[in-house]
Amino acid sequence: MKKRLNLIVLSLYWSAFLALVMTLIGFLHNTPADLIEPGAGGILWSRVLFLYFGWFVFAEIVILIGGLGYALSTWLRRGSKR
C-alpha cells in the first residue's frame, strides 16, 4: 500500500527545486560578481546560501498563496451552489 504524498511536502520539494534553478541562473547572469570574493577570487558560499534560501522562501510563499487561493475559490464556489 503506497502512501500519498502530502501537498505541503510536495510544495517544499517544488520550492527547493525552483530555488536551485534560480540560484543557478544567478550564476549564469550578471550577479556572479556579487557572489565572488574580490581578493581571493573564490565563491562566497554564505552569499550563495543566502540567495538560495531567499529564493526558497519566496517560492514557498508564492506556492502557498496560490494553493490557499485555489482552496478558497473552490470553497466559495461550493458554498454558492447550495
Protein backbone atom coordinates (compact mmCIF):
# COMPACT_ATOMS: atom_id res chain seq x y z
CA MET A 1 0.00 0.00 0.00
CA LYS A 2 1.53 3.28 -1.13
CA LYS A 3 1.34 6.38 1.00
CA ARG A 4 0.09 9.51 -0.75
CA LEU A 5 2.46 12.46 -0.81
CA ASN A 6 1.38 15.34 1.39
CA LEU A 7 0.72 18.59 -0.51
CA ILE A 8 2.86 20.61 1.92
CA VAL A 9 5.81 18.26 1.32
CA LEU A 10 5.22 18.49 -2.42
CA SER A 11 5.28 22.30 -2.23
CA LEU A 12 8.54 22.13 -0.26
CA TYR A 13 10.11 19.92 -2.94
CA TRP A 14 8.98 22.31 -5.69
CA SER A 15 10.28 25.30 -3.74
CA ALA A 16 13.66 23.62 -3.28
CA PHE A 17 13.83 22.80 -6.99
CA LEU A 18 12.83 26.31 -8.06
CA ALA A 19 15.30 27.86 -5.61
CA LEU A 20 18.09 25.70 -7.04
CA VAL A 21 17.22 26.69 -10.60
CA MET A 22 17.03 30.38 -9.74
CA THR A 23 20.35 30.22 -7.85
CA LEU A 24 21.98 28.59 -10.88
CA ILE A 25 20.50 31.29 -13.10
CA GLY A 26 22.08 33.79 -10.72
CA PHE A 27 25.46 32.30 -11.59
CA LEU A 28 24.77 32.46 -15.32
CA HIS A 29 23.61 36.05 -15.32
CA ASN A 30 25.49 39.18 -14.25
CA THR A 31 25.31 38.58 -10.48
CA PRO A 32 28.33 36.26 -10.11
CA ALA A 33 30.41 39.38 -9.38
CA ASP A 34 28.37 39.72 -6.18
CA LEU A 35 28.97 36.08 -5.27
CA ILE A 36 32.76 36.05 -5.80
CA GLU A 37 35.25 37.34 -3.25
CA PRO A 38 37.30 40.10 -4.93
CA GLY A 39 40.62 39.37 -3.22
CA ALA A 40 40.79 35.59 -3.40
CA GLY A 41 38.62 35.04 -6.46
CA GLY A 42 36.69 32.28 -4.69
CA ILE A 43 32.96 31.92 -4.27
CA LEU A 44 31.37 33.30 -1.12
CA TRP A 45 29.24 30.31 -0.17
CA SER A 46 27.46 32.23 2.58
CA ARG A 47 26.06 34.62 -0.06
CA VAL A 48 25.10 31.73 -2.31
CA LEU A 49 23.32 30.01 0.59
CA PHE A 50 21.56 33.28 1.47
CA LEU A 51 20.47 33.64 -2.17
CA TYR A 52 19.23 30.04 -2.23
CA PHE A 53 17.21 30.40 0.98
CA GLY A 54 15.82 33.71 -0.24
CA TRP A 55 14.53 32.06 -3.41
CA PHE A 56 13.28 29.09 -1.38
CA VAL A 57 11.22 31.25 0.96
CA PHE A 58 9.89 33.33 -1.93
CA ALA A 59 8.86 30.24 -3.93
CA GLU A 60 7.22 28.62 -0.89
CA ILE A 61 5.21 31.76 -0.12
CA VAL A 62 4.02 32.00 -3.73
CA ILE A 63 3.04 28.32 -3.83
CA LEU A 64 1.18 28.52 -0.51
CA ILE A 65 -0.68 31.70 -1.50
CA GLY A 66 -1.67 30.07 -4.79
CA GLY A 67 -2.84 26.92 -3.02
CA LEU A 68 -4.83 28.88 -0.47
CA GLY A 69 -6.38 30.97 -3.24
CA TYR A 70 -7.40 27.85 -5.10
CA ALA A 71 -8.84 26.23 -1.95
CA LEU A 72 -10.73 29.40 -1.07
CA SER A 73 -12.19 29.78 -4.55
CA THR A 74 -13.25 26.12 -4.57
CA TRP A 75 -14.84 26.51 -1.14
CA LEU A 76 -16.70 29.66 -2.24
CA ARG A 77 -17.97 28.00 -5.43
CA ARG A 78 -19.28 25.02 -3.49
CA GLY A 79 -20.98 27.31 -0.98
CA SER A 80 -22.78 29.29 -3.71
CA LYS A 81 -24.36 26.13 -5.21
CA ARG A 82 -26.37 25.32 -2.08
